[in-house]
Every structure is written in C-alpha cells, then in structure tokens.
Amino acid sequence: MILNNNCLPWPVCSALKAIIHAHISEYSTAVVLCFNDKFGAEPPVEIAIDVDGSVVHLITPEGRSLVDGQERLVEWNAEFVSNYQAGRYKTAAFTLLELEERVLD
C-alpha cells in the first residue's frame, strides 16, 4: 500500500509520511500502526490507514484524536517524529481483520 497524500485530512510533514509509508508498504489492506513507547512512559500512538492509503484515524498518547485538530497536529507531529527517530517506539502493524480477531478472542 502507498500512503495517499491526496486524501490526508490535514497536512503531514514529509518525515511522518516516510515513517508511515515504511510500515504500510507491505500491506494491501487497511492497517493500524501502533507505536508503543519502549519505556512504558506513555500510551501508544495509533494511526489507522484505510485500504486506499488515506489516514482515517490518529490517536495521540493523551488519548486525543488529531483528525479534527489541525493546530495540535503541527506540535504533535514534530515531537512524534523526533521521538521516533530517537528510537523511542516499538512499532507494530495490524490489519483490521487481525485486530477484530484479537477483540473477539
């Protein structure tokens, strides 16, 4: 899958686009990326990507959705990319089907 830049609900910096694309490129279905803090200091960041490559959901460690909060996104974006590049996150990708199966088990 390729991140669909035309369907992003808000501007995303090129560094975040590269991070997302690196983790979704092997998928051909909707996927959720979970970025877990290696030190357990914060809840995970979750980014849901639809089958067409559009970002449909983004939850910050504070539990807030950024899809409708463009002003918060700019600040969060810089901090997230910095933490990611510093190796703070363990990253896991799950298809929506995998997540549904986990919930049902």
PDB file of N, CA and C in Angstrom:
ATOM      1  N   MET A   1       0.846  -1.163   0.000  1.00  0.00           N
ATOM      2  CA  MET A   1       0.000   0.000   0.000  1.00  0.00           C
ATOM      3  C   MET A   1       0.897   1.233   0.000  1.00  0.00           C
ATOM      4  N   ILE A   2       0.409   2.298  -0.575  1.00  0.00           N
ATOM      5  CA  ILE A   2       1.122   3.571  -0.616  1.00  0.00           C
ATOM      6  C   ILE A   2       0.269   4.607   0.098  1.00  0.00           C
ATOM      7  N   LEU A   3       0.891   5.431   0.943  1.00  0.00           N
ATOM      8  CA  LEU A   3       0.171   6.495   1.624  1.00  0.00           C
ATOM      9  C   LEU A   3      -0.396   7.443   0.580  1.00  0.00           C
ATOM     10  N   ASN A   4      -1.689   7.700   0.668  1.00  0.00           N
ATOM     11  CA  ASN A   4      -2.386   8.543  -0.298  1.00  0.00           C
ATOM     12  C   ASN A   4      -2.335   9.993   0.171  1.00  0.00           C
ATOM     13  N   ASN A   5      -1.430  10.762  -0.367  1.00  0.00           N
ATOM     14  CA  ASN A   5      -1.262  12.160   0.037  1.00  0.00           C
ATOM     15  C   ASN A   5      -2.460  13.030  -0.316  1.00  0.00           C
ATOM     16  N   ASN A   6      -3.257  12.620  -1.287  1.00  0.00           N
ATOM     17  CA  ASN A   6      -4.407  13.413  -1.712  1.00  0.00           C
ATOM     18  C   ASN A   6      -5.585  13.291  -0.766  1.00  0.00           C
ATOM     19  N   CYS A   7      -5.579  12.284   0.100  1.00  0.00           N
ATOM     20  CA  CYS A   7      -6.720  12.043   0.982  1.00  0.00           C
ATOM     21  C   CYS A   7      -6.411  12.340   2.442  1.00  0.00           C
ATOM     22  N   LEU A   8      -5.302  12.995   2.721  1.00  0.00           N
ATOM     23  CA  LEU A   8      -4.977  13.286   4.110  1.00  0.00           C
ATOM     24  C   LEU A   8      -5.888  14.400   4.612  1.00  0.00           C
ATOM     25  N   PRO A   9      -6.508  14.219   5.784  1.00  0.00           N
ATOM     26  CA  PRO A   9      -7.437  15.229   6.289  1.00  0.00           C
ATOM     27  C   PRO A   9      -6.739  16.476   6.813  1.00  0.00           C
ATOM     28  N   TRP A  10      -5.411  16.428   6.949  1.00  0.00           N
ATOM     29  CA  TRP A  10      -4.631  17.551   7.436  1.00  0.00           C
ATOM     30  C   TRP A  10      -3.218  17.400   6.917  1.00  0.00           C
ATOM     31  N   PRO A  11      -2.452  18.497   6.927  1.00  0.00           N
ATOM     32  CA  PRO A  11      -1.084  18.406   6.414  1.00  0.00           C
ATOM     33  C   PRO A  11      -0.202  17.539   7.307  1.00  0.00           C
ATOM     34  N   VAL A  12       0.607  16.716   6.697  1.00  0.00           N
ATOM     35  CA  VAL A  12       1.531  15.834   7.404  1.00  0.00           C
ATOM     36  C   VAL A  12       2.919  16.103   6.843  1.00  0.00           C
ATOM     37  N   CYS A  13       3.897  16.265   7.730  1.00  0.00           N
ATOM     38  CA  CYS A  13       5.250  16.561   7.254  1.00  0.00           C
ATOM     39  C   CYS A  13       5.828  15.355   6.520  1.00  0.00           C
ATOM     40  N   SER A  14       6.818  15.614   5.701  1.00  0.00           N
ATOM     41  CA  SER A  14       7.410  14.546   4.890  1.00  0.00           C
ATOM     42  C   SER A  14       8.047  13.460   5.751  1.00  0.00           C
ATOM     43  N   ALA A  15       8.591  13.815   6.920  1.00  0.00           N
ATOM     44  CA  ALA A  15       9.199  12.804   7.798  1.00  0.00           C
ATOM     45  C   ALA A  15       8.150  11.825   8.311  1.00  0.00           C
ATOM     46  N   LEU A  16       6.964  12.334   8.705  1.00  0.00           N
ATOM     47  CA  LEU A  16       5.902  11.445   9.180  1.00  0.00           C
ATOM     48  C   LEU A  16       5.365  10.595   8.035  1.00  0.00           C
ATOM     49  N   LYS A  17       5.239  11.175   6.847  1.00  0.00           N
ATOM     50  CA  LYS A  17       4.808  10.393   5.684  1.00  0.00           C
ATOM     51  C   LYS A  17       5.769   9.242   5.430  1.00  0.00           C
ATOM     52  N   ALA A  18       7.064   9.495   5.536  1.00  0.00           N
ATOM     53  CA  ALA A  18       8.068   8.446   5.314  1.00  0.00           C
ATOM     54  C   ALA A  18       7.966   7.350   6.367  1.00  0.00           C
ATOM     55  N   ILE A  19       7.736   7.740   7.626  1.00  0.00           N
ATOM     56  CA  ILE A  19       7.584   6.754   8.706  1.00  0.00           C
ATOM     57  C   ILE A  19       6.379   5.865   8.431  1.00  0.00           C
ATOM     58  N   ILE A  20       5.252   6.483   8.120  1.00  0.00           N
ATOM     59  CA  ILE A  20       4.029   5.714   7.857  1.00  0.00           C
ATOM     60  C   ILE A  20       4.237   4.791   6.665  1.00  0.00           C
ATOM     61  N   HIS A  21       4.766   5.336   5.580  1.00  0.00           N
ATOM     62  CA  HIS A  21       4.945   4.531   4.372  1.00  0.00           C
ATOM     63  C   HIS A  21       5.871   3.341   4.615  1.00  0.00           C
ATOM     64  N   ALA A  22       6.906   3.527   5.401  1.00  0.00           N
ATOM     65  CA  ALA A  22       7.840   2.432   5.680  1.00  0.00           C
ATOM     66  C   ALA A  22       7.146   1.256   6.356  1.00  0.00           C
ATOM     67  N   HIS A  23       6.085   1.533   7.101  1.00  0.00           N
ATOM     68  CA  HIS A  23       5.405   0.470   7.835  1.00  0.00           C
ATOM     69  C   HIS A  23       4.184  -0.093   7.111  1.00  0.00           C
ATOM     70  N   ILE A  24       3.674   0.608   6.094  1.00  0.00           N
ATOM     71  CA  ILE A  24       2.478   0.100   5.406  1.00  0.00           C
ATOM     72  C   ILE A  24       2.780  -0.461   4.029  1.00  0.00           C
ATOM     73  N   SER A  25       3.989  -0.310   3.540  1.00  0.00           N
ATOM     74  CA  SER A  25       4.299  -0.662   2.153  1.00  0.00           C
ATOM     75  C   SER A  25       4.054  -2.127   1.828  1.00  0.00           C
ATOM     76  N   GLU A  26       4.144  -3.018   2.803  1.00  0.00           N
ATOM     77  CA  GLU A  26       3.952  -4.444   2.524  1.00  0.00           C
ATOM     78  C   GLU A  26       2.493  -4.884   2.629  1.00  0.00           C
ATOM     79  N   TYR A  27       1.602  -3.984   2.965  1.00  0.00           N
ATOM     80  CA  TYR A  27       0.191  -4.333   3.137  1.00  0.00           C
ATOM     81  C   TYR A  27      -0.624  -3.923   1.920  1.00  0.00           C
ATOM     82  N   SER A  28      -1.725  -4.630   1.716  1.00  0.00           N
ATOM     83  CA  SER A  28      -2.639  -4.283   0.631  1.00  0.00           C
ATOM     84  C   SER A  28      -4.058  -4.123   1.164  1.00  0.00           C
ATOM     85  N   THR A  29      -4.190  -4.010   2.466  1.00  0.00           N
ATOM     86  CA  THR A  29      -5.486  -3.854   3.103  1.00  0.00           C
ATOM     87  C   THR A  29      -5.378  -2.785   4.181  1.00  0.00           C
ATOM     88  N   ALA A  30      -6.512  -2.408   4.759  1.00  0.00           N
ATOM     89  CA  ALA A  30      -6.494  -1.404   5.822  1.00  0.00           C
ATOM     90  C   ALA A  30      -5.621  -1.889   6.974  1.00  0.00           C
ATOM     91  N   VAL A  31      -4.902  -0.963   7.570  1.00  0.00           N
ATOM     92  CA  VAL A  31      -3.931  -1.333   8.600  1.00  0.00           C
ATOM     93  C   VAL A  31      -3.925  -0.286   9.715  1.00  0.00           C
ATOM     94  N   VAL A  32      -3.626  -0.744  10.928  1.00  0.00           N
ATOM     95  CA  VAL A  32      -3.444   0.156  12.065  1.00  0.00           C
ATOM     96  C   VAL A  32      -2.001   0.037  12.519  1.00  0.00           C
ATOM     97  N   LEU A  33      -1.325   1.167  12.607  1.00  0.00           N
ATOM     98  CA  LEU A  33       0.047   1.204  13.110  1.00  0.00           C
ATOM     99  C   LEU A  33       0.005   1.588  14.580  1.00  0.00           C
ATOM    100  N   CYS A  34       0.682   0.804  15.403  1.00  0.00           N
ATOM    101  CA  CYS A  34       0.762   1.081  16.839  1.00  0.00           C
ATOM    102  C   CYS A  34       2.213   1.365  17.187  1.00  0.00           C
ATOM    103  N   PHE A  35       2.455   2.542  17.700  1.00  0.00           N
ATOM    104  CA  PHE A  35       3.792   2.949  18.112  1.00  0.00           C
ATOM    105  C   PHE A  35       3.806   2.949  19.638  1.00  0.00           C
ATOM    106  N   ASN A  36       4.428   1.926  20.229  1.00  0.00           N
ATOM    107  CA  ASN A  36       4.455   1.776  21.677  1.00  0.00           C
ATOM    108  C   ASN A  36       5.750   2.330  22.255  1.00  0.00           C
ATOM    109  N   ASP A  37       5.620   3.127  23.299  1.00  0.00           N
ATOM    110  CA  ASP A  37       6.771   3.690  23.994  1.00  0.00           C
ATOM    111  C   ASP A  37       7.575   2.550  24.617  1.00  0.00           C
ATOM    112  N   LYS A  38       8.840   2.409  24.246  1.00  0.00           N
ATOM    113  CA  LYS A  38       9.691   1.323  24.750  1.00  0.00           C
ATOM    114  C   LYS A  38       9.870   1.376  26.264  1.00  0.00           C
ATOM    115  N   PHE A  39       9.694   2.544  26.843  1.00  0.00           N
ATOM    116  CA  PHE A  39       9.913   2.711  28.276  1.00  0.00           C
ATOM    117  C   PHE A  39       8.614   2.642  29.071  1.00  0.00           C
ATOM    118  N   GLY A  40       7.491   2.500  28.375  1.00  0.00           N
ATOM    119  CA  GLY A  40       6.195   2.408  29.039  1.00  0.00           C
ATOM    120  C   GLY A  40       5.736   3.710  29.669  1.00  0.00           C
ATOM    121  N   ALA A  41       6.347   4.800  29.302  1.00  0.00           N
ATOM    122  CA  ALA A  41       6.005   6.090  29.904  1.00  0.00           C
ATOM    123  C   ALA A  41       4.706   6.671  29.354  1.00  0.00           C
ATOM    124  N   GLU A  42       4.340   6.299  28.140  1.00  0.00           N
ATOM    125  CA  GLU A  42       3.142   6.854  27.516  1.00  0.00           C
ATOM    126  C   GLU A  42       2.341   5.753  26.844  1.00  0.00           C
ATOM    127  N   PRO A  43       1.021   5.940  26.741  1.00  0.00           N
ATOM    128  CA  PRO A  43       0.208   5.007  25.953  1.00  0.00           C
ATOM    129  C   PRO A  43       0.630   5.073  24.485  1.00  0.00           C
ATOM    130  N   PRO A  44       0.247   4.073  23.691  1.00  0.00           N
ATOM    131  CA  PRO A  44       0.679   4.055  22.287  1.00  0.00           C
ATOM    132  C   PRO A  44       0.027   5.141  21.438  1.00  0.00           C
ATOM    133  N   VAL A  45       0.722   5.468  20.363  1.00  0.00           N
ATOM    134  CA  VAL A  45       0.166   6.297  19.298  1.00  0.00           C
ATOM    135  C   VAL A  45      -0.403   5.318  18.283  1.00  0.00           C
ATOM    136  N   GLU A  46      -1.614   5.555  17.809  1.00  0.00           N
ATOM    137  CA  GLU A  46      -2.230   4.678  16.815  1.00  0.00           C
ATOM    138  C   GLU A  46      -2.608   5.492  15.591  1.00  0.00           C
ATOM    139  N   ILE A  47      -2.240   4.964  14.427  1.00  0.00           N
ATOM    140  CA  ILE A  47      -2.579   5.602  13.160  1.00  0.00           C
ATOM    141  C   ILE A  47      -3.260   4.554  12.293  1.00  0.00           C
ATOM    142  N   ALA A  48      -4.506   4.805  11.913  1.00  0.00           N
ATOM    143  CA  ALA A  48      -5.254   3.878  11.061  1.00  0.00           C
ATOM    144  C   ALA A  48      -5.207   4.378   9.621  1.00  0.00           C
ATOM    145  N   ILE A  49      -4.846   3.469   8.720  1.00  0.00           N
ATOM    146  CA  ILE A  49      -4.740   3.772   7.293  1.00  0.00           C
ATOM    147  C   ILE A  49      -5.768   2.917   6.558  1.00  0.00           C
ATOM    148  N   ASP A  50      -6.632   3.563   5.780  1.00  0.00           N
ATOM    149  CA  ASP A  50      -7.655   2.831   5.031  1.00  0.00           C
ATOM    150  C   ASP A  50      -7.034   2.134   3.825  1.00  0.00           C
ATOM    151  N   VAL A  51      -7.813   1.271   3.198  1.00  0.00           N
ATOM    152  CA  VAL A  51      -7.332   0.473   2.072  1.00  0.00           C
ATOM    153  C   VAL A  51      -6.862   1.340   0.901  1.00  0.00           C
ATOM    154  N   ASP A  52      -7.389   2.565   0.785  1.00  0.00           N
ATOM    155  CA  ASP A  52      -6.951   3.462  -0.294  1.00  0.00           C
ATOM    156  C   ASP A  52      -5.707   4.269   0.082  1.00  0.00           C
ATOM    157  N   GLY A  53      -5.149   4.011   1.274  1.00  0.00           N
ATOM    158  CA  GLY A  53      -3.940   4.693   1.705  1.00  0.00           C
ATOM    159  C   GLY A  53      -4.179   5.985   2.453  1.00  0.00           C
ATOM    160  N   SER A  54      -5.438   6.307   2.749  1.00  0.00           N
ATOM    161  CA  SER A  54      -5.729   7.551   3.460  1.00  0.00           C
ATOM    162  C   SER A  54      -5.705   7.335   4.971  1.00  0.00           C
ATOM    163  N   VAL A  55      -5.218   8.344   5.687  1.00  0.00           N
ATOM    164  CA  VAL A  55      -5.219   8.302   7.147  1.00  0.00           C
ATOM    165  C   VAL A  55      -6.645   8.576   7.603  1.00  0.00           C
ATOM    166  N   VAL A  56      -7.217   7.645   8.363  1.00  0.00           N
ATOM    167  CA  VAL A  56      -8.594   7.819   8.808  1.00  0.00           C
ATOM    168  C   VAL A  56      -8.701   8.052  10.307  1.00  0.00           C
ATOM    169  N   HIS A  57      -7.615   7.776  11.035  1.00  0.00           N
ATOM    170  CA  HIS A  57      -7.687   7.905  12.484  1.00  0.00           C
ATOM    171  C   HIS A  57      -6.281   8.059  13.033  1.00  0.00           C
ATOM    172  N   LEU A  58      -6.119   8.946  13.984  1.00  0.00           N
ATOM    173  CA  LEU A  58      -4.828   9.125  14.635  1.00  0.00           C
ATOM    174  C   LEU A  58      -5.089   9.468  16.093  1.00  0.00           C
ATOM    175  N   ILE A  59      -4.587   8.636  16.991  1.00  0.00           N
ATOM    176  CA  ILE A  59      -4.761   8.858  18.428  1.00  0.00           C
ATOM    177  C   ILE A  59      -3.396   9.113  19.052  1.00  0.00           C
ATOM    178  N   THR A  60      -3.294  10.178  19.824  1.00  0.00           N
ATOM    179  CA  THR A  60      -2.050  10.538  20.496  1.00  0.00           C
ATOM    180  C   THR A  60      -1.953   9.821  21.839  1.00  0.00           C
ATOM    181  N   PRO A  61      -0.780   9.870  22.492  1.00  0.00           N
ATOM    182  CA  PRO A  61      -0.659   9.262  23.820  1.00  0.00           C
ATOM    183  C   PRO A  61      -1.622   9.858  24.848  1.00  0.00           C
ATOM    184  N   GLU A  62      -2.078  11.071  24.619  1.00  0.00           N
ATOM    185  CA  GLU A  62      -3.042  11.682  25.536  1.00  0.00           C
ATOM    186  C   GLU A  62      -4.453  11.164  25.295  1.00  0.00           C
ATOM    187  N   GLY A  63      -4.609  10.290  24.308  1.00  0.00           N
ATOM    188  CA  GLY A  63      -5.921   9.736  24.001  1.00  0.00           C
ATOM    189  C   GLY A  63      -6.785  10.648  23.161  1.00  0.00           C
ATOM    190  N   ARG A  64      -6.185  11.665  22.557  1.00  0.00           N
ATOM    191  CA  ARG A  64      -6.949  12.603  21.733  1.00  0.00           C
ATOM    192  C   ARG A  64      -6.790  12.267  20.264  1.00  0.00           C
ATOM    193  N   SER A  65      -7.884  12.412  19.536  1.00  0.00           N
ATOM    194  CA  SER A  65      -7.828  12.246  18.090  1.00  0.00           C
ATOM    195  C   SER A  65      -7.339  13.549  17.477  1.00  0.00           C
ATOM    196  N   LEU A  66      -6.453  13.437  16.500  1.00  0.00           N
ATOM    197  CA  LEU A  66      -5.937  14.634  15.838  1.00  0.00           C
ATOM    198  C   LEU A  66      -6.555  14.868  14.472  1.00  0.00           C
ATOM    199  N   VAL A  67      -7.477  14.025  14.062  1.00  0.00           N
ATOM    200  CA  VAL A  67      -8.055  14.171  12.732  1.00  0.00           C
ATOM    201  C   VAL A  67      -8.727  15.529  12.576  1.00  0.00           C
ATOM    202  N   ASP A  68      -9.387  16.013  13.620  1.00  0.00           N
ATOM    203  CA  ASP A  68     -10.074  17.302  13.531  1.00  0.00           C
ATOM    204  C   ASP A  68      -9.310  18.436  14.201  1.00  0.00           C
ATOM    205  N   GLY A  69      -8.095  18.193  14.659  1.00  0.00           N
ATOM    206  CA  GLY A  69      -7.348  19.205  15.392  1.00  0.00           C
ATOM    207  C   GLY A  69      -6.072  19.610  14.697  1.00  0.00           C
ATOM    208  N   GLN A  70      -6.188  20.292  13.588  1.00  0.00           N
ATOM    209  CA  GLN A  70      -5.027  20.633  12.768  1.00  0.00           C
ATOM    210  C   GLN A  70      -3.986  21.437  13.542  1.00  0.00           C
ATOM    211  N   GLU A  71      -4.429  22.338  14.433  1.00  0.00           N
ATOM    212  CA  GLU A  71      -3.461  23.152  15.166  1.00  0.00           C
ATOM    213  C   GLU A  71      -2.624  22.307  16.124  1.00  0.00           C
ATOM    214  N   ARG A  72      -3.223  21.289  16.725  1.00  0.00           N
ATOM    215  CA  ARG A  72      -2.472  20.395  17.620  1.00  0.00           C
ATOM    216  C   ARG A  72      -1.559  19.473  16.835  1.00  0.00           C
ATOM    217  N   LEU A  73      -1.928  19.167  15.605  1.00  0.00           N
ATOM    218  CA  LEU A  73      -1.158  18.222  14.804  1.00  0.00           C
ATOM    219  C   LEU A  73       0.258  18.717  14.546  1.00  0.00           C
ATOM    220  N   VAL A  74       0.418  19.985  14.247  1.00  0.00           N
ATOM    221  CA  VAL A  74       1.742  20.519  13.926  1.00  0.00           C
ATOM    222  C   VAL A  74       2.688  20.313  15.106  1.00  0.00           C
ATOM    223  N   GLU A  75       2.232  20.641  16.303  1.00  0.00           N
ATOM    224  CA  GLU A  75       3.055  20.462  17.502  1.00  0.00           C
ATOM    225  C   GLU A  75       3.332  18.983  17.759  1.00  0.00           C
ATOM    226  N   TRP A  76       2.292  18.154  17.695  1.00  0.00           N
ATOM    227  CA  TRP A  76       2.448  16.722  17.949  1.00  0.00           C
ATOM    228  C   TRP A  76       3.369  16.079  16.916  1.00  0.00           C
ATOM    229  N   ASN A  77       3.213  16.466  15.667  1.00  0.00           N
ATOM    230  CA  ASN A  77       3.974  15.887  14.568  1.00  0.00           C
ATOM    231  C   ASN A  77       5.483  15.996  14.812  1.00  0.00           C
ATOM    232  N   ALA A  78       5.941  17.183  15.172  1.00  0.00           N
ATOM    233  CA  ALA A  78       7.377  17.399  15.398  1.00  0.00           C
ATOM    234  C   ALA A  78       7.885  16.553  16.560  1.00  0.00           C
ATOM    235  N   GLU A  79       7.117  16.497  17.639  1.00  0.00           N
ATOM    236  CA  GLU A  79       7.530  15.709  18.808  1.00  0.00           C
ATOM    237  C   GLU A  79       7.554  14.216  18.488  1.00  0.00           C
ATOM    238  N   PHE A  80       6.531  13.734  17.779  1.00  0.00           N
ATOM    239  CA  PHE A  80       6.463  12.314  17.436  1.00  0.00           C
ATOM    240  C   PHE A  80       7.631  11.903  16.548  1.00  0.00           C
ATOM    241  N   VAL A  81       7.898  12.668  15.507  1.00  0.00           N
ATOM    242  CA  VAL A  81       8.992  12.340  14.588  1.00  0.00           C
ATOM    243  C   VAL A  81      10.324  12.328  15.339  1.00  0.00           C
ATOM    244  N   SER A  82      10.530  13.295  16.211  1.00  0.00           N
ATOM    245  CA  SER A  82      11.762  13.347  16.997  1.00  0.00           C
ATOM    246  C   SER A  82      11.906  12.103  17.874  1.00  0.00           C
ATOM    247  N   ASN A  83      10.841  11.725  18.566  1.00  0.00           N
ATOM    248  CA  ASN A  83      10.870  10.523  19.413  1.00  0.00           C
ATOM    249  C   ASN A  83      11.080   9.261  18.586  1.00  0.00           C
ATOM    250  N   TYR A  84      10.443   9.188  17.425  1.00  0.00           N
ATOM    251  CA  TYR A  84      10.595   8.015  16.557  1.00  0.00           C
ATOM    252  C   TYR A  84      12.042   7.891  16.087  1.00  0.00           C
ATOM    253  N   GLN A  85      12.606   8.989  15.642  1.00  0.00           N
ATOM    254  CA  GLN A  85      13.981   8.967  15.147  1.00  0.00           C
ATOM    255  C   GLN A  85      14.984   8.672  16.258  1.00  0.00           C
ATOM    256  N   ALA A  86      14.625   8.972  17.494  1.00  0.00           N
ATOM    257  CA  ALA A  86      15.489   8.674  18.640  1.00  0.00           C
ATOM    258  C   ALA A  86      15.348   7.221  19.093  1.00  0.00           C
ATOM    259  N   GLY A  87      14.451   6.461  18.431  1.00  0.00           N
ATOM    260  CA  GLY A  87      14.285   5.050  18.758  1.00  0.00           C
ATOM    261  C   GLY A  87      13.412   4.785  19.964  1.00  0.00           C
ATOM    262  N   ARG A  88      12.523   5.712  20.272  1.00  0.00           N
ATOM    263  CA  ARG A  88      11.694   5.567  21.469  1.00  0.00           C
ATOM    264  C   ARG A  88      10.547   4.573  21.299  1.00  0.00           C
ATOM    265  N   TYR A  89      10.150   4.276  20.073  1.00  0.00           N
ATOM    266  CA  TYR A  89       8.963   3.457  19.844  1.00  0.00           C
ATOM    267  C   TYR A  89       9.282   2.066  19.317  1.00  0.00           C
ATOM    268  N   LYS A  90       8.502   1.087  19.776  1.00  0.00           N
ATOM    269  CA  LYS A  90       8.399  -0.222  19.124  1.00  0.00           C
ATOM    270  C   LYS A  90       7.180  -0.095  18.228  1.00  0.00           C
ATOM    271  N   THR A  91       7.307  -0.509  16.993  1.00  0.00           N
ATOM    272  CA  THR A  91       6.209  -0.339  16.050  1.00  0.00           C
ATOM    273  C   THR A  91       5.634  -1.686  15.654  1.00  0.00           C
ATOM    274  N   ALA A  92       4.306  -1.760  15.649  1.00  0.00           N
ATOM    275  CA  ALA A  92       3.613  -2.959  15.198  1.00  0.00           C
ATOM    276  C   ALA A  92       2.523  -2.529  14.231  1.00  0.00           C
ATOM    277  N   ALA A  93       2.292  -3.342  13.219  1.00  0.00           N
ATOM    278  CA  ALA A  93       1.234  -3.071  12.247  1.00  0.00           C
ATOM    279  C   ALA A  93       0.273  -4.246  12.252  1.00  0.00           C
ATOM    280  N   PHE A  94      -1.002  -3.940  12.261  1.00  0.00           N
ATOM    281  CA  PHE A  94      -2.039  -4.956  12.269  1.00  0.00           C
ATOM    282  C   PHE A  94      -3.076  -4.622  11.209  1.00  0.00           C
ATOM    283  N   THR A  95      -3.530  -5.629  10.492  1.00  0.00           N
ATOM    284  CA  THR A  95      -4.662  -5.400   9.598  1.00  0.00           C
ATOM    285  C   THR A  95      -5.901  -5.270  10.470  1.00  0.00           C
ATOM    286  N   LEU A  96      -6.939  -4.658   9.941  1.00  0.00           N
ATOM    287  CA  LEU A  96      -8.170  -4.522  10.718  1.00  0.00           C
ATOM    288  C   LEU A  96      -8.746  -5.883  11.066  1.00  0.00           C
ATOM    289  N   LEU A  97      -8.604  -6.852  10.166  1.00  0.00           N
ATOM    290  CA  LEU A  97      -9.094  -8.200  10.442  1.00  0.00           C
ATOM    291  C   LEU A  97      -8.362  -8.806  11.638  1.00  0.00           C
ATOM    292  N   GLU A  98      -7.044  -8.626  11.712  1.00  0.00           N
ATOM    293  CA  GLU A  98      -6.272  -9.134  12.851  1.00  0.00           C
ATOM    294  C   GLU A  98      -6.735  -8.503  14.160  1.00  0.00           C
ATOM    295  N   LEU A  99      -7.003  -7.211  14.129  1.00  0.00           N
ATOM    296  CA  LEU A  99      -7.464  -6.533  15.342  1.00  0.00           C
ATOM    297  C   LEU A  99      -8.837  -7.020  15.760  1.00  0.00           C
ATOM    298  N   GLU A 100      -9.727  -7.228  14.802  1.00  0.00           N
ATOM    299  CA  GLU A 100     -11.060  -7.745  15.118  1.00  0.00           C
ATOM    300  C   GLU A 100     -10.972  -9.129  15.733  1.00  0.00           C
ATOM    301  N   GLU A 101     -10.089  -9.983  15.206  1.00  0.00           N
ATOM    302  CA  GLU A 101      -9.930 -11.327  15.749  1.00  0.00           C
ATOM    303  C   GLU A 101      -9.403 -11.280  17.174  1.00  0.00           C
ATOM    304  N   ARG A 102      -8.508 -10.365  17.481  1.00  0.00           N
ATOM    305  CA  ARG A 102      -7.981 -10.232  18.843  1.00  0.00           C
ATOM    306  C   ARG A 102      -9.073  -9.822  19.813  1.00  0.00           C
ATOM    307  N   VAL A 103      -9.936  -8.918  19.379  1.00  0.00           N
ATOM    308  CA  VAL A 103     -11.021  -8.450  20.240  1.00  0.00           C
ATOM    309  C   VAL A 103     -12.000  -9.582  20.518  1.00  0.00           C
ATOM    310  N   LEU A 104     -12.263 -10.410  19.526  1.00  0.00           N
ATOM    311  CA  LEU A 104     -13.228 -11.495  19.685  1.00  0.00           C
ATOM    312  C   LEU A 104     -12.693 -12.648  20.521  1.00  0.00           C
ATOM    313  N   ASP A 105     -11.378 -12.803  20.588  1.00  0.00           N
ATOM    314  CA  ASP A 105     -10.789 -13.914  21.361  1.00  0.00           C
ATOM    315  C   ASP A 105     -10.823 -13.691  22.837  1.00  0.00           C
TER     316      ASP A 105
END
